[in-house]
Amino acid sequence: MKHFLIILIYKIIFLFTFSNVTYAEEKLLMITDKNCIFCIVWEKEIGKIYPKTDIAKQYPIKRIEIKYFNENIPKGLKKARVTPTFLFIKNDKVIGEILGYSNPEMFWWRVDEILEQN
């Protein structure tokens, strides 16, 4: 029974998270995993800075655990296989994707590349 309640709570949290994501708006979805070392490093190197950037004003970040994302994939998106995965959403479609994380320079370079193309 306890296990069932925990799963139910996680599902409700997940559904609430996605109910707040409107794809008509511009968003940056970060598909993450609490045990992912690259996600942890990204949070330390970029996660504190990102909300303070001009990019974050246009593409606010929404973090979603991979297991919940893959259980309830929103229409038009594909299953995530790598964490972190960053999906830039604009006008109901993915305009750019960053798979994984290696260092700040590569992350910002890819972000600039995606935004310049759109």
PDB file of N, CA and C in Angstrom:
ATOM      1  N   MET A   1       0.823  -1.191   0.000  1.00  0.00           N
ATOM      2  CA  MET A   1       0.000   0.000   0.000  1.00  0.00           C
ATOM      3  C   MET A   1       0.872   1.261   0.000  1.00  0.00           C
ATOM      4  N   LYS A   2       1.924   1.257   0.809  1.00  0.00           N
ATOM      5  CA  LYS A   2       2.813   2.408   0.892  1.00  0.00           C
ATOM      6  C   LYS A   2       3.458   2.673  -0.465  1.00  0.00           C
ATOM      7  N   HIS A   3       3.904   1.611  -1.128  1.00  0.00           N
ATOM      8  CA  HIS A   3       4.537   1.739  -2.441  1.00  0.00           C
ATOM      9  C   HIS A   3       3.539   2.337  -3.450  1.00  0.00           C
ATOM     10  N   PHE A   4       2.298   1.872  -3.404  1.00  0.00           N
ATOM     11  CA  PHE A   4       1.249   2.375  -4.289  1.00  0.00           C
ATOM     12  C   PHE A   4       1.035   3.872  -4.079  1.00  0.00           C
ATOM     13  N   LEU A   5       0.986   4.313  -2.833  1.00  0.00           N
ATOM     14  CA  LEU A   5       0.780   5.729  -2.537  1.00  0.00           C
ATOM     15  C   LEU A   5       1.934   6.586  -3.039  1.00  0.00           C
ATOM     16  N   ILE A   6       3.148   6.096  -2.902  1.00  0.00           N
ATOM     17  CA  ILE A   6       4.313   6.837  -3.387  1.00  0.00           C
ATOM     18  C   ILE A   6       4.239   7.000  -4.900  1.00  0.00           C
ATOM     19  N   ILE A   7       3.909   5.913  -5.604  1.00  0.00           N
ATOM     20  CA  ILE A   7       3.789   5.973  -7.058  1.00  0.00           C
ATOM     21  C   ILE A   7       2.668   6.935  -7.453  1.00  0.00           C
ATOM     22  N   LEU A   8       1.560   6.871  -6.761  1.00  0.00           N
ATOM     23  CA  LEU A   8       0.433   7.761  -7.046  1.00  0.00           C
ATOM     24  C   LEU A   8       0.829   9.220  -6.855  1.00  0.00           C
ATOM     25  N   ILE A   9       1.530   9.516  -5.802  1.00  0.00           N
ATOM     26  CA  ILE A   9       1.980  10.888  -5.537  1.00  0.00           C
ATOM     27  C   ILE A   9       2.908  11.363  -6.648  1.00  0.00           C
ATOM     28  N   TYR A  10       3.866  10.512  -7.058  1.00  0.00           N
ATOM     29  CA  TYR A  10       4.771  10.886  -8.149  1.00  0.00           C
ATOM     30  C   TYR A  10       4.009  11.139  -9.447  1.00  0.00           C
ATOM     31  N   LYS A  11       3.024  10.309  -9.749  1.00  0.00           N
ATOM     32  CA  LYS A  11       2.224  10.493 -10.972  1.00  0.00           C
ATOM     33  C   LYS A  11       1.460  11.817 -10.921  1.00  0.00           C
ATOM     34  N   ILE A  12       0.887  12.139  -9.779  1.00  0.00           N
ATOM     35  CA  ILE A  12       0.146  13.399  -9.635  1.00  0.00           C
ATOM     36  C   ILE A  12       1.092  14.581  -9.814  1.00  0.00           C
ATOM     37  N   ILE A  13       2.264  14.509  -9.195  1.00  0.00           N
ATOM     38  CA  ILE A  13       3.254  15.583  -9.346  1.00  0.00           C
ATOM     39  C   ILE A  13       3.654  15.723 -10.804  1.00  0.00           C
ATOM     40  N   PHE A  14       3.888  14.596 -11.471  1.00  0.00           N
ATOM     41  CA  PHE A  14       4.279  14.631 -12.873  1.00  0.00           C
ATOM     42  C   PHE A  14       3.189  15.261 -13.735  1.00  0.00           C
ATOM     43  N   LEU A  15       1.953  14.820 -13.546  1.00  0.00           N
ATOM     44  CA  LEU A  15       0.854  15.361 -14.346  1.00  0.00           C
ATOM     45  C   LEU A  15       0.670  16.844 -14.086  1.00  0.00           C
ATOM     46  N   PHE A  16       0.828  17.272 -12.832  1.00  0.00           N
ATOM     47  CA  PHE A  16       0.738  18.686 -12.514  1.00  0.00           C
ATOM     48  C   PHE A  16       1.853  19.456 -13.212  1.00  0.00           C
ATOM     49  N   THR A  17       3.059  18.872 -13.234  1.00  0.00           N
ATOM     50  CA  THR A  17       4.192  19.512 -13.898  1.00  0.00           C
ATOM     51  C   THR A  17       3.890  19.735 -15.367  1.00  0.00           C
ATOM     52  N   PHE A  18       3.391  18.706 -16.047  1.00  0.00           N
ATOM     53  CA  PHE A  18       3.107  18.850 -17.468  1.00  0.00           C
ATOM     54  C   PHE A  18       1.877  19.697 -17.730  1.00  0.00           C
ATOM     55  N   SER A  19       0.944  19.746 -16.797  1.00  0.00           N
ATOM     56  CA  SER A  19      -0.230  20.585 -17.015  1.00  0.00           C
ATOM     57  C   SER A  19       0.163  22.056 -17.013  1.00  0.00           C
ATOM     58  N   ASN A  20       1.290  22.388 -16.403  1.00  0.00           N
ATOM     59  CA  ASN A  20       1.771  23.764 -16.393  1.00  0.00           C
ATOM     60  C   ASN A  20       2.653  24.095 -17.583  1.00  0.00           C
ATOM     61  N   VAL A  21       2.992  23.108 -18.398  1.00  0.00           N
ATOM     62  CA  VAL A  21       3.836  23.340 -19.562  1.00  0.00           C
ATOM     63  C   VAL A  21       2.932  23.578 -20.753  1.00  0.00           C
ATOM     64  N   THR A  22       2.892  24.792 -21.224  1.00  0.00           N
ATOM     65  CA  THR A  22       2.130  25.093 -22.424  1.00  0.00           C
ATOM     66  C   THR A  22       3.126  25.271 -23.549  1.00  0.00           C
ATOM     67  N   TYR A  23       2.966  24.474 -24.575  1.00  0.00           N
ATOM     68  CA  TYR A  23       3.956  24.463 -25.642  1.00  0.00           C
ATOM     69  C   TYR A  23       3.815  25.632 -26.594  1.00  0.00           C
ATOM     70  N   ALA A  24       2.737  26.402 -26.479  1.00  0.00           N
ATOM     71  CA  ALA A  24       2.635  27.601 -27.291  1.00  0.00           C
ATOM     72  C   ALA A  24       3.666  28.622 -26.811  1.00  0.00           C
ATOM     73  N   GLU A  25       4.026  28.510 -25.573  1.00  0.00           N
ATOM     74  CA  GLU A  25       5.061  29.370 -25.015  1.00  0.00           C
ATOM     75  C   GLU A  25       6.426  28.780 -25.330  1.00  0.00           C
ATOM     76  N   GLU A  26       7.427  29.598 -25.195  1.00  0.00           N
ATOM     77  CA  GLU A  26       8.782  29.116 -25.380  1.00  0.00           C
ATOM     78  C   GLU A  26       9.284  28.595 -24.042  1.00  0.00           C
ATOM     79  N   LYS A  27       9.869  27.411 -24.071  1.00  0.00           N
ATOM     80  CA  LYS A  27      10.372  26.767 -22.858  1.00  0.00           C
ATOM     81  C   LYS A  27      11.660  26.029 -23.175  1.00  0.00           C
ATOM     82  N   LEU A  28      12.458  25.821 -22.152  1.00  0.00           N
ATOM     83  CA  LEU A  28      13.580  24.901 -22.219  1.00  0.00           C
ATOM     84  C   LEU A  28      13.252  23.772 -21.254  1.00  0.00           C
ATOM     85  N   LEU A  29      13.000  22.578 -21.797  1.00  0.00           N
ATOM     86  CA  LEU A  29      12.743  21.413 -20.954  1.00  0.00           C
ATOM     87  C   LEU A  29      14.073  20.713 -20.709  1.00  0.00           C
ATOM     88  N   MET A  30      14.388  20.488 -19.455  1.00  0.00           N
ATOM     89  CA  MET A  30      15.580  19.725 -19.093  1.00  0.00           C
ATOM     90  C   MET A  30      15.114  18.380 -18.565  1.00  0.00           C
ATOM     91  N   ILE A  31      15.436  17.339 -19.318  1.00  0.00           N
ATOM     92  CA  ILE A  31      15.096  15.989 -18.887  1.00  0.00           C
ATOM     93  C   ILE A  31      16.297  15.494 -18.101  1.00  0.00           C
ATOM     94  N   THR A  32      16.073  15.184 -16.856  1.00  0.00           N
ATOM     95  CA  THR A  32      17.152  14.941 -15.909  1.00  0.00           C
ATOM     96  C   THR A  32      16.946  13.634 -15.149  1.00  0.00           C
ATOM     97  N   ASP A  33      17.927  13.288 -14.363  1.00  0.00           N
ATOM     98  CA  ASP A  33      17.854  12.116 -13.484  1.00  0.00           C
ATOM     99  C   ASP A  33      18.644  12.462 -12.231  1.00  0.00           C
ATOM    100  N   LYS A  34      18.047  12.216 -11.088  1.00  0.00           N
ATOM    101  CA  LYS A  34      18.699  12.589  -9.825  1.00  0.00           C
ATOM    102  C   LYS A  34      20.035  11.881  -9.616  1.00  0.00           C
ATOM    103  N   ASN A  35      20.272  10.749 -10.295  1.00  0.00           N
ATOM    104  CA  ASN A  35      21.531  10.009 -10.161  1.00  0.00           C
ATOM    105  C   ASN A  35      22.524  10.286 -11.283  1.00  0.00           C
ATOM    106  N   CYS A  36      22.180  11.179 -12.190  1.00  0.00           N
ATOM    107  CA  CYS A  36      23.030  11.486 -13.349  1.00  0.00           C
ATOM    108  C   CYS A  36      24.138  12.458 -12.945  1.00  0.00           C
ATOM    109  N   ILE A  37      25.372  12.017 -13.033  1.00  0.00           N
ATOM    110  CA  ILE A  37      26.504  12.870 -12.647  1.00  0.00           C
ATOM    111  C   ILE A  37      26.615  14.094 -13.551  1.00  0.00           C
ATOM    112  N   PHE A  38      26.285  13.933 -14.840  1.00  0.00           N
ATOM    113  CA  PHE A  38      26.363  15.068 -15.763  1.00  0.00           C
ATOM    114  C   PHE A  38      25.282  16.102 -15.453  1.00  0.00           C
ATOM    115  N   CYS A  39      24.131  15.641 -14.982  1.00  0.00           N
ATOM    116  CA  CYS A  39      23.059  16.555 -14.557  1.00  0.00           C
ATOM    117  C   CYS A  39      23.489  17.340 -13.322  1.00  0.00           C
ATOM    118  N   ILE A  40      24.123  16.656 -12.407  1.00  0.00           N
ATOM    119  CA  ILE A  40      24.597  17.293 -11.174  1.00  0.00           C
ATOM    120  C   ILE A  40      25.651  18.345 -11.486  1.00  0.00           C
ATOM    121  N   VAL A  41      26.584  18.002 -12.375  1.00  0.00           N
ATOM    122  CA  VAL A  41      27.624  18.961 -12.778  1.00  0.00           C
ATOM    123  C   VAL A  41      26.987  20.150 -13.493  1.00  0.00           C
ATOM    124  N   TRP A  42      26.011  19.894 -14.392  1.00  0.00           N
ATOM    125  CA  TRP A  42      25.332  20.984 -15.095  1.00  0.00           C
ATOM    126  C   TRP A  42      24.674  21.922 -14.079  1.00  0.00           C
ATOM    127  N   GLU A  43      24.009  21.359 -13.085  1.00  0.00           N
ATOM    128  CA  GLU A  43      23.346  22.187 -12.069  1.00  0.00           C
ATOM    129  C   GLU A  43      24.352  23.087 -11.355  1.00  0.00           C
ATOM    130  N   LYS A  44      25.533  22.559 -11.060  1.00  0.00           N
ATOM    131  CA  LYS A  44      26.552  23.350 -10.353  1.00  0.00           C
ATOM    132  C   LYS A  44      27.165  24.412 -11.250  1.00  0.00           C
ATOM    133  N   GLU A  45      27.395  24.068 -12.529  1.00  0.00           N
ATOM    134  CA  GLU A  45      28.099  24.987 -13.433  1.00  0.00           C
ATOM    135  C   GLU A  45      27.166  25.941 -14.180  1.00  0.00           C
ATOM    136  N   ILE A  46      25.977  25.517 -14.500  1.00  0.00           N
ATOM    137  CA  ILE A  46      25.057  26.318 -15.316  1.00  0.00           C
ATOM    138  C   ILE A  46      23.748  26.606 -14.589  1.00  0.00           C
ATOM    139  N   GLY A  47      23.254  25.653 -13.837  1.00  0.00           N
ATOM    140  CA  GLY A  47      21.933  25.757 -13.225  1.00  0.00           C
ATOM    141  C   GLY A  47      21.707  27.001 -12.396  1.00  0.00           C
ATOM    142  N   LYS A  48      22.735  27.480 -11.730  1.00  0.00           N
ATOM    143  CA  LYS A  48      22.609  28.683 -10.901  1.00  0.00           C
ATOM    144  C   LYS A  48      22.657  29.950 -11.758  1.00  0.00           C
ATOM    145  N   ILE A  49      23.328  29.863 -12.903  1.00  0.00           N
ATOM    146  CA  ILE A  49      23.513  31.018 -13.780  1.00  0.00           C
ATOM    147  C   ILE A  49      22.338  31.187 -14.742  1.00  0.00           C
ATOM    148  N   TYR A  50      21.846  30.076 -15.269  1.00  0.00           N
ATOM    149  CA  TYR A  50      20.852  30.120 -16.339  1.00  0.00           C
ATOM    150  C   TYR A  50      19.651  31.028 -16.028  1.00  0.00           C
ATOM    151  N   PRO A  51      19.032  30.929 -14.859  1.00  0.00           N
ATOM    152  CA  PRO A  51      17.857  31.778 -14.593  1.00  0.00           C
ATOM    153  C   PRO A  51      18.149  33.280 -14.639  1.00  0.00           C
ATOM    154  N   LYS A  52      19.398  33.674 -14.541  1.00  0.00           N
ATOM    155  CA  LYS A  52      19.779  35.090 -14.540  1.00  0.00           C
ATOM    156  C   LYS A  52      20.073  35.615 -15.941  1.00  0.00           C
ATOM    157  N   THR A  53      20.026  34.749 -16.951  1.00  0.00           N
ATOM    158  CA  THR A  53      20.384  35.151 -18.309  1.00  0.00           C
ATOM    159  C   THR A  53      19.181  35.697 -19.075  1.00  0.00           C
ATOM    160  N   ASP A  54      19.472  36.429 -20.148  1.00  0.00           N
ATOM    161  CA  ASP A  54      18.414  36.905 -21.038  1.00  0.00           C
ATOM    162  C   ASP A  54      17.725  35.733 -21.735  1.00  0.00           C
ATOM    163  N   ILE A  55      18.475  34.684 -21.998  1.00  0.00           N
ATOM    164  CA  ILE A  55      17.907  33.494 -22.646  1.00  0.00           C
ATOM    165  C   ILE A  55      16.813  32.898 -21.766  1.00  0.00           C
ATOM    166  N   ALA A  56      17.021  32.882 -20.469  1.00  0.00           N
ATOM    167  CA  ALA A  56      16.035  32.316 -19.538  1.00  0.00           C
ATOM    168  C   ALA A  56      14.744  33.127 -19.520  1.00  0.00           C
ATOM    169  N   LYS A  57      14.820  34.404 -19.849  1.00  0.00           N
ATOM    170  CA  LYS A  57      13.604  35.215 -19.918  1.00  0.00           C
ATOM    171  C   LYS A  57      12.734  34.748 -21.081  1.00  0.00           C
ATOM    172  N   GLN A  58      13.379  34.358 -22.168  1.00  0.00           N
ATOM    173  CA  GLN A  58      12.643  33.881 -23.340  1.00  0.00           C
ATOM    174  C   GLN A  58      12.337  32.385 -23.234  1.00  0.00           C
ATOM    175  N   TYR A  59      13.275  31.616 -22.691  1.00  0.00           N
ATOM    176  CA  TYR A  59      13.133  30.166 -22.568  1.00  0.00           C
ATOM    177  C   TYR A  59      13.322  29.747 -21.108  1.00  0.00           C
ATOM    178  N   PRO A  60      12.309  29.968 -20.269  1.00  0.00           N
ATOM    179  CA  PRO A  60      12.443  29.543 -18.872  1.00  0.00           C
ATOM    180  C   PRO A  60      12.593  28.021 -18.798  1.00  0.00           C
ATOM    181  N   ILE A  61      13.393  27.569 -17.866  1.00  0.00           N
ATOM    182  CA  ILE A  61      13.698  26.144 -17.767  1.00  0.00           C
ATOM    183  C   ILE A  61      12.644  25.423 -16.930  1.00  0.00           C
ATOM    184  N   LYS A  62      12.319  24.235 -17.376  1.00  0.00           N
ATOM    185  CA  LYS A  62      11.403  23.336 -16.666  1.00  0.00           C
ATOM    186  C   LYS A  62      12.109  21.994 -16.570  1.00  0.00           C
ATOM    187  N   ARG A  63      12.416  21.540 -15.357  1.00  0.00           N
ATOM    188  CA  ARG A  63      13.118  20.276 -15.150  1.00  0.00           C
ATOM    189  C   ARG A  63      12.108  19.137 -14.984  1.00  0.00           C
ATOM    190  N   ILE A  64      12.391  18.027 -15.653  1.00  0.00           N
ATOM    191  CA  ILE A  64      11.493  16.870 -15.592  1.00  0.00           C
ATOM    192  C   ILE A  64      12.347  15.610 -15.468  1.00  0.00           C
ATOM    193  N   GLU A  65      12.040  14.781 -14.483  1.00  0.00           N
ATOM    194  CA  GLU A  65      12.750  13.509 -14.304  1.00  0.00           C
ATOM    195  C   GLU A  65      12.470  12.593 -15.497  1.00  0.00           C
ATOM    196  N   ILE A  66      13.500  11.936 -15.996  1.00  0.00           N
ATOM    197  CA  ILE A  66      13.389  11.111 -17.198  1.00  0.00           C
ATOM    198  C   ILE A  66      12.346  10.011 -17.060  1.00  0.00           C
ATOM    199  N   LYS A  67      12.274   9.366 -15.901  1.00  0.00           N
ATOM    200  CA  LYS A  67      11.330   8.256 -15.775  1.00  0.00           C
ATOM    201  C   LYS A  67       9.888   8.736 -15.884  1.00  0.00           C
ATOM    202  N   TYR A  68       9.578   9.928 -15.381  1.00  0.00           N
ATOM    203  CA  TYR A  68       8.226  10.465 -15.483  1.00  0.00           C
ATOM    204  C   TYR A  68       7.956  10.995 -16.889  1.00  0.00           C
ATOM    205  N   PHE A  69       8.972  11.584 -17.484  1.00  0.00           N
ATOM    206  CA  PHE A  69       8.834  12.066 -18.858  1.00  0.00           C
ATOM    207  C   PHE A  69       8.526  10.906 -19.797  1.00  0.00           C
ATOM    208  N   ASN A  70       9.316   9.833 -19.702  1.00  0.00           N
ATOM    209  CA  ASN A  70       9.154   8.700 -20.607  1.00  0.00           C
ATOM    210  C   ASN A  70       7.873   7.903 -20.363  1.00  0.00           C
ATOM    211  N   GLU A  71       7.337   7.950 -19.152  1.00  0.00           N
ATOM    212  CA  GLU A  71       6.072   7.260 -18.866  1.00  0.00           C
ATOM    213  C   GLU A  71       4.878   8.003 -19.462  1.00  0.00           C
ATOM    214  N   ASN A  72       5.013   9.292 -19.632  1.00  0.00           N
ATOM    215  CA  ASN A  72       3.897  10.138 -20.092  1.00  0.00           C
ATOM    216  C   ASN A  72       4.391  11.140 -21.124  1.00  0.00           C
ATOM    217  N   ILE A  73       4.983  10.655 -22.193  1.00  0.00           N
ATOM    218  CA  ILE A  73       5.580  11.538 -23.197  1.00  0.00           C
ATOM    219  C   ILE A  73       4.505  12.444 -23.797  1.00  0.00           C
ATOM    220  N   PRO A  74       4.730  13.749 -23.729  1.00  0.00           N
ATOM    221  CA  PRO A  74       3.761  14.674 -24.334  1.00  0.00           C
ATOM    222  C   PRO A  74       3.692  14.461 -25.851  1.00  0.00           C
ATOM    223  N   LYS A  75       2.540  14.699 -26.412  1.00  0.00           N
ATOM    224  CA  LYS A  75       2.331  14.538 -27.845  1.00  0.00           C
ATOM    225  C   LYS A  75       3.355  15.358 -28.622  1.00  0.00           C
ATOM    226  N   GLY A  76       3.930  14.738 -29.630  1.00  0.00           N
ATOM    227  CA  GLY A  76       4.894  15.423 -30.478  1.00  0.00           C
ATOM    228  C   GLY A  76       6.340  15.298 -30.020  1.00  0.00           C
ATOM    229  N   LEU A  77       6.565  14.731 -28.842  1.00  0.00           N
ATOM    230  CA  LEU A  77       7.930  14.559 -28.354  1.00  0.00           C
ATOM    231  C   LEU A  77       8.272  13.077 -28.352  1.00  0.00           C
ATOM    232  N   LYS A  78       9.568  12.794 -28.423  1.00  0.00           N
ATOM    233  CA  LYS A  78      10.005  11.402 -28.421  1.00  0.00           C
ATOM    234  C   LYS A  78      10.615  11.028 -27.081  1.00  0.00           C
ATOM    235  N   LYS A  79      10.724   9.739 -26.855  1.00  0.00           N
ATOM    236  CA  LYS A  79      11.272   9.210 -25.615  1.00  0.00           C
ATOM    237  C   LYS A  79      12.715   9.697 -25.431  1.00  0.00           C
ATOM    238  N   ALA A  80      13.049  10.105 -24.213  1.00  0.00           N
ATOM    239  CA  ALA A  80      14.404  10.546 -23.893  1.00  0.00           C
ATOM    240  C   ALA A  80      15.269   9.335 -23.569  1.00  0.00           C
ATOM    241  N   ARG A  81      16.486   9.330 -24.077  1.00  0.00           N
ATOM    242  CA  ARG A  81      17.404   8.214 -23.850  1.00  0.00           C
ATOM    243  C   ARG A  81      18.674   8.640 -23.115  1.00  0.00           C
ATOM    244  N   VAL A  82      18.915   9.943 -23.033  1.00  0.00           N
ATOM    245  CA  VAL A  82      20.140  10.479 -22.449  1.00  0.00           C
ATOM    246  C   VAL A  82      19.763  11.555 -21.440  1.00  0.00           C
ATOM    247  N   THR A  83      20.496  11.584 -20.331  1.00  0.00           N
ATOM    248  CA  THR A  83      20.343  12.700 -19.396  1.00  0.00           C
ATOM    249  C   THR A  83      21.687  13.379 -19.234  1.00  0.00           C
ATOM    250  N   PRO A  84      21.682  14.681 -19.156  1.00  0.00           N
ATOM    251  CA  PRO A  84      20.532  15.541 -19.390  1.00  0.00           C
ATOM    252  C   PRO A  84      20.232  15.670 -20.886  1.00  0.00           C
ATOM    253  N   THR A  85      18.963  15.870 -21.193  1.00  0.00           N
ATOM    254  CA  THR A  85      18.535  16.252 -22.533  1.00  0.00           C
ATOM    255  C   THR A  85      17.839  17.591 -22.388  1.00  0.00           C
ATOM    256  N   PHE A  86      18.193  18.516 -23.258  1.00  0.00           N
ATOM    257  CA  PHE A  86      17.609  19.853 -23.244  1.00  0.00           C
ATOM    258  C   PHE A  86      16.801  20.028 -24.519  1.00  0.00           C
ATOM    259  N   LEU A  87      15.516  20.342 -24.384  1.00  0.00           N
ATOM    260  CA  LEU A  87      14.639  20.543 -25.531  1.00  0.00           C
ATOM    261  C   LEU A  87      14.152  21.984 -25.540  1.00  0.00           C
ATOM    262  N   PHE A  88      14.491  22.705 -26.596  1.00  0.00           N
ATOM    263  CA  PHE A  88      13.988  24.063 -26.773  1.00  0.00           C
ATOM    264  C   PHE A  88      12.658  23.969 -27.506  1.00  0.00           C
ATOM    265  N   ILE A  89      11.584  24.452 -26.869  1.00  0.00           N
ATOM    266  CA  ILE A  89      10.230  24.366 -27.399  1.00  0.00           C
ATOM    267  C   ILE A  89       9.777  25.767 -27.805  1.00  0.00           C
ATOM    268  N   LYS A  90       9.251  25.848 -29.037  1.00  0.00           N
ATOM    269  CA  LYS A  90       8.710  27.116 -29.529  1.00  0.00           C
ATOM    270  C   LYS A  90       7.545  26.793 -30.453  1.00  0.00           C
ATOM    271  N   ASN A  91       6.419  27.436 -30.229  1.00  0.00           N
ATOM    272  CA  ASN A  91       5.237  27.230 -31.074  1.00  0.00           C
ATOM    273  C   ASN A  91       4.900  25.756 -31.242  1.00  0.00           C
ATOM    274  N   ASP A  92       4.831  25.065 -30.143  1.00  0.00           N
ATOM    275  CA  ASP A  92       4.410  23.654 -30.112  1.00  0.00           C
ATOM    276  C   ASP A  92       5.364  22.675 -30.774  1.00  0.00           C
ATOM    277  N   LYS A  93       6.602  23.054 -31.021  1.00  0.00           N
ATOM    278  CA  LYS A  93       7.537  22.092 -31.608  1.00  0.00           C
ATOM    279  C   LYS A  93       8.938  22.281 -31.044  1.00  0.00           C
ATOM    280  N   VAL A  94       9.713  21.211 -31.135  1.00  0.00           N
ATOM    281  CA  VAL A  94      11.099  21.256 -30.688  1.00  0.00           C
ATOM    282  C   VAL A  94      11.917  21.953 -31.767  1.00  0.00           C
ATOM    283  N   ILE A  95      12.569  23.052 -31.390  1.00  0.00           N
ATOM    284  CA  ILE A  95      13.390  23.782 -32.354  1.00  0.00           C
ATOM    285  C   ILE A  95      14.872  23.477 -32.177  1.00  0.00           C
ATOM    286  N   GLY A  96      15.209  22.801 -31.101  1.00  0.00           N
ATOM    287  CA  GLY A  96      16.593  22.439 -30.854  1.00  0.00           C
ATOM    288  C   GLY A  96      16.705  21.474 -29.702  1.00  0.00           C
ATOM    289  N   GLU A  97      17.770  20.689 -29.748  1.00  0.00           N
ATOM    290  CA  GLU A  97      17.969  19.653 -28.734  1.00  0.00           C
ATOM    291  C   GLU A  97      19.457  19.566 -28.412  1.00  0.00           C
ATOM    292  N   ILE A  98      19.754  19.468 -27.142  1.00  0.00           N
ATOM    293  CA  ILE A  98      21.122  19.234 -26.685  1.00  0.00           C
ATOM    294  C   ILE A  98      21.098  17.935 -25.901  1.00  0.00           C
ATOM    295  N   LEU A  99      21.890  16.988 -26.351  1.00  0.00           N
ATOM    296  CA  LEU A  99      21.976  15.690 -25.668  1.00  0.00           C
ATOM    297  C   LEU A  99      23.238  15.652 -24.833  1.00  0.00           C
ATOM    298  N   GLY A 100      23.075  15.460 -23.547  1.00  0.00           N
ATOM    299  CA  GLY A 100      24.226  15.346 -22.658  1.00  0.00           C
ATOM    300  C   GLY A 100      24.805  16.693 -22.276  1.00  0.00           C
ATOM    301  N   TYR A 101      25.862  16.625 -21.482  1.00  0.00           N
ATOM    302  CA  TYR A 101      26.559  17.821 -21.022  1.00  0.00           C
ATOM    303  C   TYR A 101      28.016  17.470 -20.796  1.00  0.00           C
ATOM    304  N   SER A 102      28.915  18.315 -21.361  1.00  0.00           N
ATOM    305  CA  SER A 102      30.344  18.076 -21.159  1.00  0.00           C
ATOM    306  C   SER A 102      31.012  19.232 -20.417  1.00  0.00           C
ATOM    307  N   ASN A 103      30.693  20.473 -20.840  1.00  0.00           N
ATOM    308  CA  ASN A 103      31.290  21.632 -20.185  1.00  0.00           C
ATOM    309  C   ASN A 103      30.492  22.891 -20.536  1.00  0.00           C
ATOM    310  N   PRO A 104      30.692  23.978 -19.803  1.00  0.00           N
ATOM    311  CA  PRO A 104      29.917  25.194 -20.049  1.00  0.00           C
ATOM    312  C   PRO A 104      30.089  25.762 -21.460  1.00  0.00           C
ATOM    313  N   GLU A 105      31.308  25.750 -21.973  1.00  0.00           N
ATOM    314  CA  GLU A 105      31.556  26.328 -23.289  1.00  0.00           C
ATOM    315  C   GLU A 105      30.739  25.622 -24.369  1.00  0.00           C
ATOM    316  N   MET A 106      30.725  24.298 -24.342  1.00  0.00           N
ATOM    317  CA  MET A 106      29.974  23.539 -25.335  1.00  0.00           C
ATOM    318  C   MET A 106      28.466  23.763 -25.163  1.00  0.00           C
ATOM    319  N   PHE A 107      28.001  23.824 -23.931  1.00  0.00           N
ATOM    320  CA  PHE A 107      26.582  24.046 -23.695  1.00  0.00           C
ATOM    321  C   PHE A 107      26.153  25.388 -24.272  1.00  0.00           C
ATOM    322  N   TRP A 108      26.855  26.472 -23.933  1.00  0.00           N
ATOM    323  CA  TRP A 108      26.471  27.796 -24.411  1.00  0.00           C
ATOM    324  C   TRP A 108      26.638  27.920 -25.917  1.00  0.00           C
ATOM    325  N   TRP A 109      27.639  27.257 -26.478  1.00  0.00           N
ATOM    326  CA  TRP A 109      27.828  27.263 -27.927  1.00  0.00           C
ATOM    327  C   TRP A 109      26.620  26.642 -28.619  1.00  0.00           C
ATOM    328  N   ARG A 110      26.151  25.497 -28.101  1.00  0.00           N
ATOM    329  CA  ARG A 110      24.980  24.823 -28.683  1.00  0.00           C
ATOM    330  C   ARG A 110      23.719  25.670 -28.493  1.00  0.00           C
ATOM    331  N   VAL A 111      23.560  26.293 -27.337  1.00  0.00           N
ATOM    332  CA  VAL A 111      22.414  27.161 -27.103  1.00  0.00           C
ATOM    333  C   VAL A 111      22.407  28.289 -28.127  1.00  0.00           C
ATOM    334  N   ASP A 112      23.542  28.966 -28.297  1.00  0.00           N
ATOM    335  CA  ASP A 112      23.640  30.056 -29.276  1.00  0.00           C
ATOM    336  C   ASP A 112      23.331  29.560 -30.689  1.00  0.00           C
ATOM    337  N   GLU A 113      23.841  28.403 -31.031  1.00  0.00           N
ATOM    338  CA  GLU A 113      23.610  27.828 -32.356  1.00  0.00           C
ATOM    339  C   GLU A 113      22.105  27.570 -32.585  1.00  0.00           C
ATOM    340  N   ILE A 114      21.446  27.007 -31.606  1.00  0.00           N
ATOM    341  CA  ILE A 114      20.003  26.725 -31.716  1.00  0.00           C
ATOM    342  C   ILE A 114      19.218  28.018 -31.860  1.00  0.00           C
ATOM    343  N   LEU A 115      19.533  29.004 -31.034  1.00  0.00           N
ATOM    344  CA  LEU A 115      18.777  30.260 -31.060  1.00  0.00           C
ATOM    345  C   LEU A 115      19.041  31.063 -32.322  1.00  0.00           C
ATOM    346  N   GLU A 116      20.245  31.002 -32.861  1.00  0.00           N
ATOM    347  CA  GLU A 116      20.557  31.711 -34.105  1.00  0.00           C
ATOM    348  C   GLU A 116      19.798  31.117 -35.286  1.00  0.00           C
ATOM    349  N   GLN A 117      19.525  29.832 -35.256  1.00  0.00           N
ATOM    350  CA  GLN A 117      18.814  29.163 -36.349  1.00  0.00           C
ATOM    351  C   GLN A 117      17.311  29.420 -36.302  1.00  0.00           C
ATOM    352  N   ASN A 118      16.851  29.926 -35.192  1.00  0.00           N
ATOM    353  CA  ASN A 118      15.399  30.133 -35.035  1.00  0.00           C
ATOM    354  C   ASN A 118      15.117  31.564 -34.760  1.00  0.00           C
TER     355      ASN A 118
END
